[in-house]
Amino acid sequence: MVHFKPLFVALAAVSTVVARPPCRPDTTAPTMSATTTAEETTSTETSTTETYATETSTTIVSTTTTNDETFTTAAPTTTTTESDVSTTSTAPETTTSAPAPVCGVTGYFVPGHDMTYLYSPGYKLSAKECLEGCAAYSGCEVIAFYYTGSSIGRCEYFKGPLITDGEPTPYKWYDVGCLAEM
C-alpha cells in the first residue's frame, strides 16, 4: 500500500481542478483604485547682506487611475518674493577719563617711589602761583608747597605719580591738573 500513496495524492489534485466550473467569476482578482497625491516643497534662502530674496517653489502632482490606464499630470508653480532688509549695527564706545588730580594732600613722598625732584624756584605767594610755574616748566607734574613761618611759601617741582604716606606734615602736594580747580 505504500506504493499507491503518491498516486492517490495526484488523483485528488486533478479531481479538484476538473470539478471547478469554467465560467465562474474570480473574487480574488486585484482591483484598481484612484489615487491623488499632492506634494508641496518650500525653500527659503536667507543671506546676511543688505538685501535678500526669498524663493518659494510648489510642485503639485496628481495621479488618476481608471480601467487599468494611468494618467499623470504635473503642474509646477514658482513664486518669487523680494524684500528689502537693512541691517544696522553700532560698535560699543569706550570712554576712559583721566583720574582726578590729587590736590592738597599732606605727607612725605614714599621712598623707592618713582617721583623725581626736578627744581625749586624758591618762594611763591601761593600754591596756585607755584602750580602756574610748574605748568610752564618742562616735565613738571607735581609740586610740594609749604609755608616757612611767614606769608610766603616754598615751592618745589617733581616728576612722577603723586603718592604720599598721608602723615601730617607742613607739605601740601598738588598735581599740575589742580591748577584748573584753583
N, C-alpha and C. Protein backbone atom coordinates (compact mmCIF):
# COMPACT_ATOMS: atom_id res chain seq x y z
N MET A 1 0.81 -1.18 0.00
CA MET A 1 0.00 0.00 0.00
C MET A 1 0.85 1.24 0.00
N VAL A 2 2.06 1.11 0.35
CA VAL A 2 2.96 2.23 0.38
C VAL A 2 3.20 2.74 -1.02
N HIS A 3 3.13 1.92 -2.05
CA HIS A 3 3.41 2.33 -3.42
C HIS A 3 2.29 3.15 -4.01
N PHE A 4 1.10 3.05 -3.50
CA PHE A 4 -0.05 3.72 -4.09
C PHE A 4 -0.32 5.10 -3.49
N LYS A 5 0.35 5.51 -2.45
CA LYS A 5 0.11 6.80 -1.80
C LYS A 5 0.41 7.98 -2.73
N PRO A 6 1.51 8.04 -3.45
CA PRO A 6 1.72 9.16 -4.36
C PRO A 6 0.68 9.23 -5.46
N LEU A 7 0.19 8.10 -5.94
CA LEU A 7 -0.82 8.09 -6.99
C LEU A 7 -2.12 8.66 -6.45
N PHE A 8 -2.47 8.35 -5.21
CA PHE A 8 -3.69 8.84 -4.59
C PHE A 8 -3.65 10.36 -4.44
N VAL A 9 -2.53 10.94 -4.07
CA VAL A 9 -2.39 12.39 -3.91
C VAL A 9 -2.54 13.07 -5.26
N ALA A 10 -2.00 12.50 -6.32
CA ALA A 10 -2.08 13.09 -7.66
C ALA A 10 -3.51 13.08 -8.15
N LEU A 11 -4.26 12.02 -7.93
CA LEU A 11 -5.65 11.95 -8.38
C LEU A 11 -6.52 12.95 -7.62
N ALA A 12 -6.28 13.16 -6.36
CA ALA A 12 -7.06 14.12 -5.58
C ALA A 12 -6.86 15.53 -6.10
N ALA A 13 -5.65 15.90 -6.51
CA ALA A 13 -5.38 17.23 -7.04
C ALA A 13 -6.05 17.44 -8.37
N VAL A 14 -6.06 16.43 -9.26
CA VAL A 14 -6.67 16.54 -10.59
C VAL A 14 -8.17 16.65 -10.44
N SER A 15 -8.77 15.95 -9.54
CA SER A 15 -10.22 16.00 -9.39
C SER A 15 -10.68 17.36 -8.88
N THR A 16 -9.88 18.05 -8.10
CA THR A 16 -10.24 19.38 -7.62
C THR A 16 -10.23 20.38 -8.75
N VAL A 17 -9.29 20.30 -9.65
CA VAL A 17 -9.19 21.23 -10.78
C VAL A 17 -10.32 20.97 -11.75
N VAL A 18 -10.66 19.74 -12.03
CA VAL A 18 -11.69 19.39 -13.01
C VAL A 18 -13.05 19.74 -12.46
N ALA A 19 -13.28 19.66 -11.19
CA ALA A 19 -14.59 19.90 -10.60
C ALA A 19 -14.96 21.37 -10.58
N ARG A 20 -14.13 22.21 -10.80
CA ARG A 20 -14.39 23.65 -10.77
C ARG A 20 -15.11 24.08 -12.04
N PRO A 21 -16.18 24.90 -11.95
CA PRO A 21 -16.88 25.34 -13.17
C PRO A 21 -16.03 26.34 -13.94
N PRO A 22 -16.09 26.33 -15.27
CA PRO A 22 -15.21 27.15 -16.09
C PRO A 22 -15.56 28.63 -16.13
N CYS A 23 -16.79 29.08 -15.96
CA CYS A 23 -17.16 30.48 -16.16
C CYS A 23 -17.49 31.19 -14.86
N ARG A 24 -17.02 30.74 -13.80
CA ARG A 24 -17.30 31.38 -12.53
C ARG A 24 -16.41 32.63 -12.39
N PRO A 25 -16.95 33.80 -11.94
CA PRO A 25 -16.11 35.00 -11.78
C PRO A 25 -15.13 34.80 -10.61
N ASP A 26 -13.96 35.37 -10.79
CA ASP A 26 -12.90 35.26 -9.77
C ASP A 26 -13.06 36.41 -8.78
N THR A 27 -13.25 36.10 -7.50
CA THR A 27 -13.45 37.14 -6.48
C THR A 27 -12.14 37.60 -5.86
N THR A 28 -11.05 36.99 -6.24
CA THR A 28 -9.77 37.39 -5.66
C THR A 28 -8.93 38.20 -6.63
N ALA A 29 -9.51 38.68 -7.72
CA ALA A 29 -8.76 39.46 -8.70
C ALA A 29 -8.41 40.83 -8.13
N PRO A 30 -7.27 41.36 -8.49
CA PRO A 30 -6.90 42.68 -7.98
C PRO A 30 -7.81 43.76 -8.52
N THR A 31 -8.14 44.76 -7.70
CA THR A 31 -8.99 45.87 -8.10
C THR A 31 -8.14 47.12 -8.24
N MET A 32 -8.59 48.02 -9.07
CA MET A 32 -7.87 49.28 -9.31
C MET A 32 -8.56 50.37 -8.51
N SER A 33 -7.80 51.32 -8.03
CA SER A 33 -8.38 52.43 -7.29
C SER A 33 -7.71 53.72 -7.75
N ALA A 34 -8.41 54.82 -7.58
CA ALA A 34 -7.88 56.13 -7.96
C ALA A 34 -7.07 56.69 -6.78
N THR A 35 -5.92 57.24 -7.09
CA THR A 35 -5.05 57.80 -6.06
C THR A 35 -4.68 59.23 -6.45
N THR A 36 -4.78 60.14 -5.52
CA THR A 36 -4.37 61.53 -5.77
C THR A 36 -3.26 61.86 -4.78
N THR A 37 -2.16 62.37 -5.32
CA THR A 37 -1.01 62.72 -4.48
C THR A 37 -0.68 64.19 -4.70
N ALA A 38 -0.54 64.92 -3.63
CA ALA A 38 -0.13 66.33 -3.72
C ALA A 38 1.16 66.49 -2.92
N GLU A 39 2.13 67.10 -3.55
CA GLU A 39 3.42 67.30 -2.88
C GLU A 39 3.75 68.77 -2.93
N GLU A 40 4.16 69.32 -1.80
CA GLU A 40 4.50 70.74 -1.75
C GLU A 40 5.88 70.88 -1.12
N THR A 41 6.73 71.63 -1.81
CA THR A 41 8.09 71.85 -1.31
C THR A 41 8.30 73.35 -1.16
N THR A 42 8.79 73.75 -0.01
CA THR A 42 9.06 75.17 0.24
C THR A 42 10.53 75.33 0.53
N SER A 43 11.15 76.30 -0.13
CA SER A 43 12.58 76.55 0.08
C SER A 43 12.75 78.02 0.39
N THR A 44 13.56 78.33 1.39
CA THR A 44 13.82 79.72 1.78
C THR A 44 15.31 79.96 1.80
N GLU A 45 15.75 81.02 1.13
CA GLU A 45 17.15 81.41 1.17
C GLU A 45 17.28 82.68 2.00
N THR A 46 18.25 82.72 2.89
CA THR A 46 18.49 83.91 3.71
C THR A 46 19.96 84.24 3.66
N SER A 47 20.27 85.50 3.50
CA SER A 47 21.67 85.95 3.44
C SER A 47 21.85 87.08 4.43
N THR A 48 23.09 87.34 4.83
CA THR A 48 23.36 88.41 5.79
C THR A 48 23.68 89.73 5.10
N THR A 49 23.46 89.80 3.79
CA THR A 49 23.72 91.06 3.08
C THR A 49 22.57 92.01 3.31
N GLU A 50 22.69 93.21 2.72
CA GLU A 50 21.68 94.24 2.93
C GLU A 50 20.32 93.83 2.35
N THR A 51 20.27 93.09 1.23
CA THR A 51 19.03 92.71 0.58
C THR A 51 19.05 91.21 0.35
N TYR A 52 17.92 90.56 0.54
CA TYR A 52 17.88 89.14 0.25
C TYR A 52 16.58 88.81 -0.45
N ALA A 53 16.58 87.70 -1.17
CA ALA A 53 15.40 87.25 -1.89
C ALA A 53 14.92 85.95 -1.27
N THR A 54 13.62 85.79 -1.20
CA THR A 54 13.04 84.56 -0.69
C THR A 54 12.32 83.89 -1.86
N GLU A 55 12.62 82.65 -2.11
CA GLU A 55 12.01 81.94 -3.22
C GLU A 55 11.22 80.77 -2.69
N THR A 56 9.96 80.67 -3.14
CA THR A 56 9.11 79.57 -2.74
C THR A 56 8.72 78.80 -3.99
N SER A 57 8.90 77.51 -3.97
CA SER A 57 8.60 76.68 -5.13
C SER A 57 7.59 75.62 -4.71
N THR A 58 6.51 75.44 -5.50
CA THR A 58 5.48 74.46 -5.19
C THR A 58 5.27 73.58 -6.42
N THR A 59 5.27 72.26 -6.24
CA THR A 59 5.01 71.32 -7.32
C THR A 59 3.83 70.46 -6.89
N ILE A 60 2.80 70.37 -7.75
CA ILE A 60 1.63 69.56 -7.46
C ILE A 60 1.61 68.41 -8.45
N VAL A 61 1.54 67.20 -7.94
CA VAL A 61 1.48 66.01 -8.79
C VAL A 61 0.16 65.31 -8.47
N SER A 62 -0.65 65.04 -9.51
CA SER A 62 -1.89 64.30 -9.29
C SER A 62 -1.90 63.08 -10.20
N THR A 63 -2.38 61.97 -9.69
CA THR A 63 -2.43 60.72 -10.44
C THR A 63 -3.87 60.23 -10.45
N THR A 64 -4.37 59.87 -11.62
CA THR A 64 -5.73 59.35 -11.76
C THR A 64 -5.64 57.97 -12.40
N THR A 65 -6.33 56.97 -11.84
CA THR A 65 -6.32 55.60 -12.37
C THR A 65 -7.75 55.22 -12.73
N THR A 66 -7.95 54.81 -14.00
CA THR A 66 -9.27 54.37 -14.45
C THR A 66 -9.08 53.22 -15.44
N ASN A 67 -9.73 52.10 -15.20
CA ASN A 67 -9.73 50.94 -16.10
C ASN A 67 -8.33 50.56 -16.55
N ASP A 68 -7.46 50.36 -15.63
CA ASP A 68 -6.09 49.93 -15.89
C ASP A 68 -5.27 50.93 -16.68
N GLU A 69 -5.73 52.17 -16.84
CA GLU A 69 -4.95 53.20 -17.52
C GLU A 69 -4.56 54.26 -16.49
N THR A 70 -3.32 54.77 -16.58
CA THR A 70 -2.84 55.75 -15.62
C THR A 70 -2.47 57.02 -16.35
N PHE A 71 -2.96 58.17 -15.85
CA PHE A 71 -2.62 59.47 -16.39
C PHE A 71 -1.94 60.27 -15.28
N THR A 72 -0.81 60.88 -15.58
CA THR A 72 -0.08 61.68 -14.60
C THR A 72 0.03 63.10 -15.12
N THR A 73 -0.35 64.06 -14.28
CA THR A 73 -0.27 65.47 -14.65
C THR A 73 0.59 66.18 -13.62
N ALA A 74 1.61 66.89 -14.10
CA ALA A 74 2.46 67.67 -13.20
C ALA A 74 2.29 69.14 -13.52
N ALA A 75 2.03 69.95 -12.51
CA ALA A 75 1.82 71.38 -12.70
C ALA A 75 2.75 72.14 -11.77
N PRO A 76 3.97 72.46 -12.22
CA PRO A 76 4.88 73.21 -11.34
C PRO A 76 4.48 74.68 -11.26
N THR A 77 4.56 75.23 -10.08
CA THR A 77 4.25 76.64 -9.85
C THR A 77 5.41 77.25 -9.07
N THR A 78 5.90 78.39 -9.53
CA THR A 78 7.01 79.06 -8.85
C THR A 78 6.60 80.48 -8.50
N THR A 79 6.82 80.87 -7.26
CA THR A 79 6.52 82.22 -6.80
C THR A 79 7.79 82.80 -6.20
N THR A 80 8.15 84.01 -6.61
CA THR A 80 9.34 84.67 -6.08
C THR A 80 8.93 85.97 -5.43
N THR A 81 9.41 86.20 -4.22
CA THR A 81 9.13 87.43 -3.49
C THR A 81 10.44 88.04 -3.05
N GLU A 82 10.63 89.33 -3.29
CA GLU A 82 11.84 90.03 -2.85
C GLU A 82 11.48 91.03 -1.76
N SER A 83 12.30 91.08 -0.76
CA SER A 83 12.10 92.03 0.34
C SER A 83 13.41 92.75 0.60
N ASP A 84 13.31 94.03 0.84
CA ASP A 84 14.50 94.79 1.21
C ASP A 84 14.64 94.78 2.73
N VAL A 85 15.81 94.41 3.19
CA VAL A 85 16.10 94.38 4.62
C VAL A 85 17.38 95.15 4.84
N SER A 86 17.33 96.11 5.73
CA SER A 86 18.56 96.84 6.04
C SER A 86 18.97 96.48 7.46
N THR A 87 20.27 96.29 7.63
CA THR A 87 20.82 95.91 8.92
C THR A 87 21.70 97.03 9.43
N THR A 88 21.51 97.39 10.66
CA THR A 88 22.31 98.45 11.27
C THR A 88 22.97 97.89 12.51
N SER A 89 24.26 98.14 12.63
CA SER A 89 24.95 97.72 13.85
C SER A 89 25.84 98.86 14.31
N THR A 90 25.93 99.00 15.60
CA THR A 90 26.78 100.04 16.16
C THR A 90 27.81 99.39 17.05
N ALA A 91 29.01 99.88 16.94
CA ALA A 91 30.10 99.37 17.77
C ALA A 91 30.03 100.04 19.14
N PRO A 92 30.29 99.29 20.18
CA PRO A 92 30.27 99.92 21.50
C PRO A 92 31.42 100.91 21.65
N GLU A 93 31.11 102.00 22.30
CA GLU A 93 32.12 103.03 22.51
C GLU A 93 32.68 102.90 23.92
N THR A 94 33.98 103.09 24.02
CA THR A 94 34.64 103.03 25.32
C THR A 94 35.21 104.40 25.63
N THR A 95 34.84 104.92 26.75
CA THR A 95 35.34 106.22 27.17
C THR A 95 36.12 106.04 28.46
N THR A 96 37.34 106.50 28.42
CA THR A 96 38.19 106.43 29.61
C THR A 96 38.54 107.85 30.01
N SER A 97 38.21 108.19 31.22
CA SER A 97 38.54 109.54 31.68
C SER A 97 39.81 109.48 32.52
N ALA A 98 40.51 110.57 32.49
CA ALA A 98 41.74 110.66 33.28
C ALA A 98 41.38 110.68 34.75
N PRO A 99 42.24 110.14 35.60
CA PRO A 99 41.94 110.19 37.03
C PRO A 99 41.92 111.64 37.51
N ALA A 100 41.12 111.88 38.51
CA ALA A 100 41.03 113.23 39.07
C ALA A 100 42.37 113.60 39.68
N PRO A 101 42.76 114.85 39.52
CA PRO A 101 44.04 115.26 40.09
C PRO A 101 44.00 115.22 41.62
N VAL A 102 45.16 114.95 42.20
CA VAL A 102 45.30 114.92 43.66
C VAL A 102 45.69 116.33 44.08
N CYS A 103 44.89 116.94 44.93
CA CYS A 103 45.11 118.34 45.30
C CYS A 103 45.14 118.51 46.82
N GLY A 104 46.23 119.09 47.33
CA GLY A 104 46.31 119.48 48.73
C GLY A 104 46.48 118.35 49.73
N VAL A 105 47.02 117.22 49.34
CA VAL A 105 47.25 116.13 50.30
C VAL A 105 48.53 116.41 51.09
N THR A 106 48.59 115.84 52.28
CA THR A 106 49.79 116.03 53.11
C THR A 106 50.60 114.74 53.14
N GLY A 107 51.78 114.81 53.70
CA GLY A 107 52.61 113.63 53.87
C GLY A 107 53.94 113.78 53.15
N TYR A 108 54.76 112.78 53.37
CA TYR A 108 56.06 112.70 52.69
C TYR A 108 55.90 111.72 51.53
N PHE A 109 56.64 111.98 50.44
CA PHE A 109 56.51 111.01 49.35
C PHE A 109 57.17 109.71 49.76
N VAL A 110 56.65 108.61 49.25
CA VAL A 110 57.04 107.27 49.66
C VAL A 110 58.43 106.94 49.11
N PRO A 111 59.39 106.49 49.96
CA PRO A 111 60.72 106.12 49.48
C PRO A 111 60.64 104.96 48.49
N GLY A 112 61.53 104.96 47.52
CA GLY A 112 61.54 103.92 46.49
C GLY A 112 60.51 104.14 45.41
N HIS A 113 59.78 105.23 45.50
CA HIS A 113 58.75 105.55 44.52
C HIS A 113 59.40 106.30 43.36
N ASP A 114 58.77 106.30 42.20
CA ASP A 114 59.36 106.90 41.00
C ASP A 114 59.20 108.41 40.90
N MET A 115 58.90 109.11 41.97
CA MET A 115 58.79 110.56 41.90
C MET A 115 60.19 111.16 41.99
N THR A 116 60.50 112.02 41.03
CA THR A 116 61.85 112.59 40.92
C THR A 116 61.81 114.10 41.18
N TYR A 117 62.72 114.58 42.01
CA TYR A 117 62.86 116.02 42.27
C TYR A 117 63.44 116.68 41.02
N LEU A 118 62.80 117.80 40.56
CA LEU A 118 63.27 118.50 39.36
C LEU A 118 63.97 119.82 39.69
N TYR A 119 63.26 120.67 40.48
CA TYR A 119 63.77 122.04 40.63
C TYR A 119 62.99 122.74 41.73
N SER A 120 63.62 123.75 42.35
CA SER A 120 62.93 124.59 43.32
C SER A 120 63.06 126.04 42.86
N PRO A 121 61.95 126.65 42.46
CA PRO A 121 62.01 128.05 42.02
C PRO A 121 62.10 129.01 43.20
N GLY A 122 62.09 128.47 44.41
CA GLY A 122 62.21 129.35 45.58
C GLY A 122 60.88 129.61 46.23
N TYR A 123 60.68 130.87 46.63
CA TYR A 123 59.49 131.26 47.38
C TYR A 123 58.41 131.78 46.44
N LYS A 124 57.15 131.40 46.76
CA LYS A 124 55.98 131.86 46.00
C LYS A 124 54.93 132.32 46.99
N LEU A 125 54.03 133.16 46.53
CA LEU A 125 52.99 133.69 47.41
C LEU A 125 51.89 132.66 47.72
N SER A 126 51.63 131.73 46.78
CA SER A 126 50.55 130.76 46.99
C SER A 126 50.85 129.46 46.24
N ALA A 127 50.07 128.44 46.54
CA ALA A 127 50.20 127.17 45.83
C ALA A 127 49.80 127.35 44.37
N LYS A 128 48.83 128.24 44.09
CA LYS A 128 48.41 128.49 42.71
C LYS A 128 49.57 129.06 41.91
N GLU A 129 50.29 130.01 42.48
CA GLU A 129 51.45 130.60 41.78
C GLU A 129 52.52 129.53 41.54
N CYS A 130 52.71 128.63 42.49
CA CYS A 130 53.67 127.54 42.33
C CYS A 130 53.23 126.60 41.20
N LEU A 131 51.93 126.29 41.13
CA LEU A 131 51.40 125.42 40.06
C LEU A 131 51.53 126.08 38.69
N GLU A 132 51.32 127.39 38.60
CA GLU A 132 51.48 128.09 37.32
C GLU A 132 52.92 127.95 36.82
N GLY A 133 53.88 128.06 37.73
CA GLY A 133 55.28 127.89 37.36
C GLY A 133 55.57 126.46 36.93
N CYS A 134 54.98 125.48 37.62
CA CYS A 134 55.16 124.06 37.26
C CYS A 134 54.61 123.77 35.87
N ALA A 135 53.44 124.33 35.55
CA ALA A 135 52.83 124.11 34.23
C ALA A 135 53.73 124.62 33.12
N ALA A 136 54.50 125.67 33.37
CA ALA A 136 55.39 126.24 32.36
C ALA A 136 56.75 125.53 32.33
N TYR A 137 57.07 124.75 33.35
CA TYR A 137 58.37 124.09 33.45
C TYR A 137 58.29 122.71 32.77
N SER A 138 59.22 122.40 31.88
CA SER A 138 59.22 121.14 31.12
C SER A 138 59.36 119.92 32.04
N GLY A 139 58.42 119.00 31.94
CA GLY A 139 58.46 117.76 32.70
C GLY A 139 57.84 117.82 34.07
N CYS A 140 57.46 119.00 34.55
CA CYS A 140 56.91 119.13 35.90
C CYS A 140 55.48 118.58 35.93
N GLU A 141 55.21 117.69 36.90
CA GLU A 141 53.88 117.09 37.05
C GLU A 141 53.28 117.31 38.44
N VAL A 142 54.14 117.52 39.45
CA VAL A 142 53.70 117.61 40.85
C VAL A 142 54.48 118.72 41.54
N ILE A 143 53.78 119.41 42.48
CA ILE A 143 54.50 120.39 43.31
C ILE A 143 54.34 120.02 44.77
N ALA A 144 55.31 120.47 45.55
CA ALA A 144 55.20 120.44 47.01
C ALA A 144 55.28 121.90 47.44
N PHE A 145 54.27 122.33 48.19
CA PHE A 145 54.22 123.72 48.65
C PHE A 145 54.07 123.70 50.16
N TYR A 146 54.88 124.52 50.85
CA TYR A 146 54.79 124.60 52.31
C TYR A 146 55.21 125.99 52.77
N TYR A 147 54.57 126.42 53.84
CA TYR A 147 54.89 127.74 54.43
C TYR A 147 56.04 127.56 55.41
N THR A 148 56.90 128.59 55.45
CA THR A 148 58.10 128.54 56.30
C THR A 148 57.98 129.43 57.53
N GLY A 149 56.82 129.79 57.93
CA GLY A 149 56.63 130.64 59.09
C GLY A 149 56.27 132.06 58.72
N SER A 150 56.23 132.38 57.46
CA SER A 150 55.80 133.71 57.03
C SER A 150 54.64 133.53 56.06
N SER A 151 54.20 134.61 55.44
CA SER A 151 53.08 134.53 54.50
C SER A 151 53.54 134.08 53.11
N ILE A 152 54.82 133.84 52.95
CA ILE A 152 55.37 133.37 51.67
C ILE A 152 55.73 131.90 51.85
N GLY A 153 55.43 131.07 50.82
CA GLY A 153 55.70 129.64 50.91
C GLY A 153 56.82 129.19 50.00
N ARG A 154 57.34 128.04 50.29
CA ARG A 154 58.42 127.45 49.49
C ARG A 154 57.77 126.52 48.46
N CYS A 155 58.32 126.46 47.24
CA CYS A 155 57.78 125.68 46.12
C CYS A 155 58.87 124.75 45.58
N GLU A 156 58.48 123.48 45.30
CA GLU A 156 59.40 122.51 44.69
C GLU A 156 58.66 121.75 43.59
N TYR A 157 59.38 121.45 42.49
CA TYR A 157 58.81 120.74 41.34
C TYR A 157 59.29 119.28 41.33
N PHE A 158 58.36 118.38 40.96
CA PHE A 158 58.67 116.95 40.88
C PHE A 158 58.06 116.36 39.61
N LYS A 159 58.56 115.19 39.23
CA LYS A 159 58.04 114.45 38.08
C LYS A 159 57.68 113.04 38.57
N GLY A 160 56.53 112.51 38.14
CA GLY A 160 56.10 111.16 38.51
C GLY A 160 54.75 111.18 39.19
N PRO A 161 54.18 110.00 39.42
CA PRO A 161 52.87 109.93 40.07
C PRO A 161 52.96 110.32 41.55
N LEU A 162 51.94 111.02 42.01
CA LEU A 162 51.92 111.53 43.38
C LEU A 162 51.38 110.48 44.34
N ILE A 163 52.27 109.96 45.19
CA ILE A 163 51.88 109.02 46.25
C ILE A 163 52.60 109.46 47.51
N THR A 164 51.83 109.74 48.55
CA THR A 164 52.43 110.15 49.84
C THR A 164 52.04 109.14 50.91
N ASP A 165 52.69 109.27 52.06
CA ASP A 165 52.37 108.38 53.17
C ASP A 165 51.18 108.88 53.99
N GLY A 166 50.67 110.10 53.69
CA GLY A 166 49.49 110.65 54.35
C GLY A 166 49.74 111.18 55.76
N GLU A 167 50.96 111.17 56.22
CA GLU A 167 51.28 111.68 57.56
C GLU A 167 51.05 113.19 57.62
N PRO A 168 50.72 113.73 58.79
CA PRO A 168 50.57 115.18 58.91
C PRO A 168 51.94 115.86 58.80
N THR A 169 52.07 116.73 57.82
CA THR A 169 53.31 117.49 57.58
C THR A 169 52.94 118.89 57.15
N PRO A 170 53.89 119.80 57.10
CA PRO A 170 53.59 121.13 56.55
C PRO A 170 53.49 121.10 55.02
N TYR A 171 53.93 120.02 54.37
CA TYR A 171 53.88 119.93 52.90
C TYR A 171 52.46 119.70 52.41
N LYS A 172 52.10 120.43 51.37
CA LYS A 172 50.85 120.22 50.64
C LYS A 172 51.24 119.86 49.21
N TRP A 173 50.78 118.72 48.76
CA TRP A 173 51.14 118.22 47.43
C TRP A 173 49.98 118.46 46.46
N TYR A 174 50.34 118.80 45.21
CA TYR A 174 49.34 119.08 44.18
C TYR A 174 49.82 118.51 42.84
N ASP A 175 48.90 117.86 42.12
CA ASP A 175 49.16 117.51 40.71
C ASP A 175 49.00 118.78 39.90
N VAL A 176 49.68 118.86 38.76
CA VAL A 176 49.58 120.05 37.91
C VAL A 176 48.14 120.27 37.42
N GLY A 177 47.33 119.20 37.36
CA GLY A 177 45.92 119.31 36.96
C GLY A 177 45.07 120.08 37.95
N CYS A 178 45.58 120.32 39.16
CA CYS A 178 44.82 121.06 40.18
C CYS A 178 44.72 122.55 39.82
N LEU A 179 45.56 123.01 38.92
CA LEU A 179 45.55 124.44 38.54
C LEU A 179 44.19 124.84 38.00
N ALA A 180 43.50 123.96 37.28
CA ALA A 180 42.18 124.28 36.72
C ALA A 180 41.13 124.46 37.81
N GLU A 181 41.33 123.87 38.98
CA GLU A 181 40.37 123.96 40.07
C GLU A 181 40.64 125.12 41.02
N MET A 182 41.74 125.82 40.83
CA MET A 182 42.10 126.90 41.77
C MET A 182 41.66 128.25 41.25
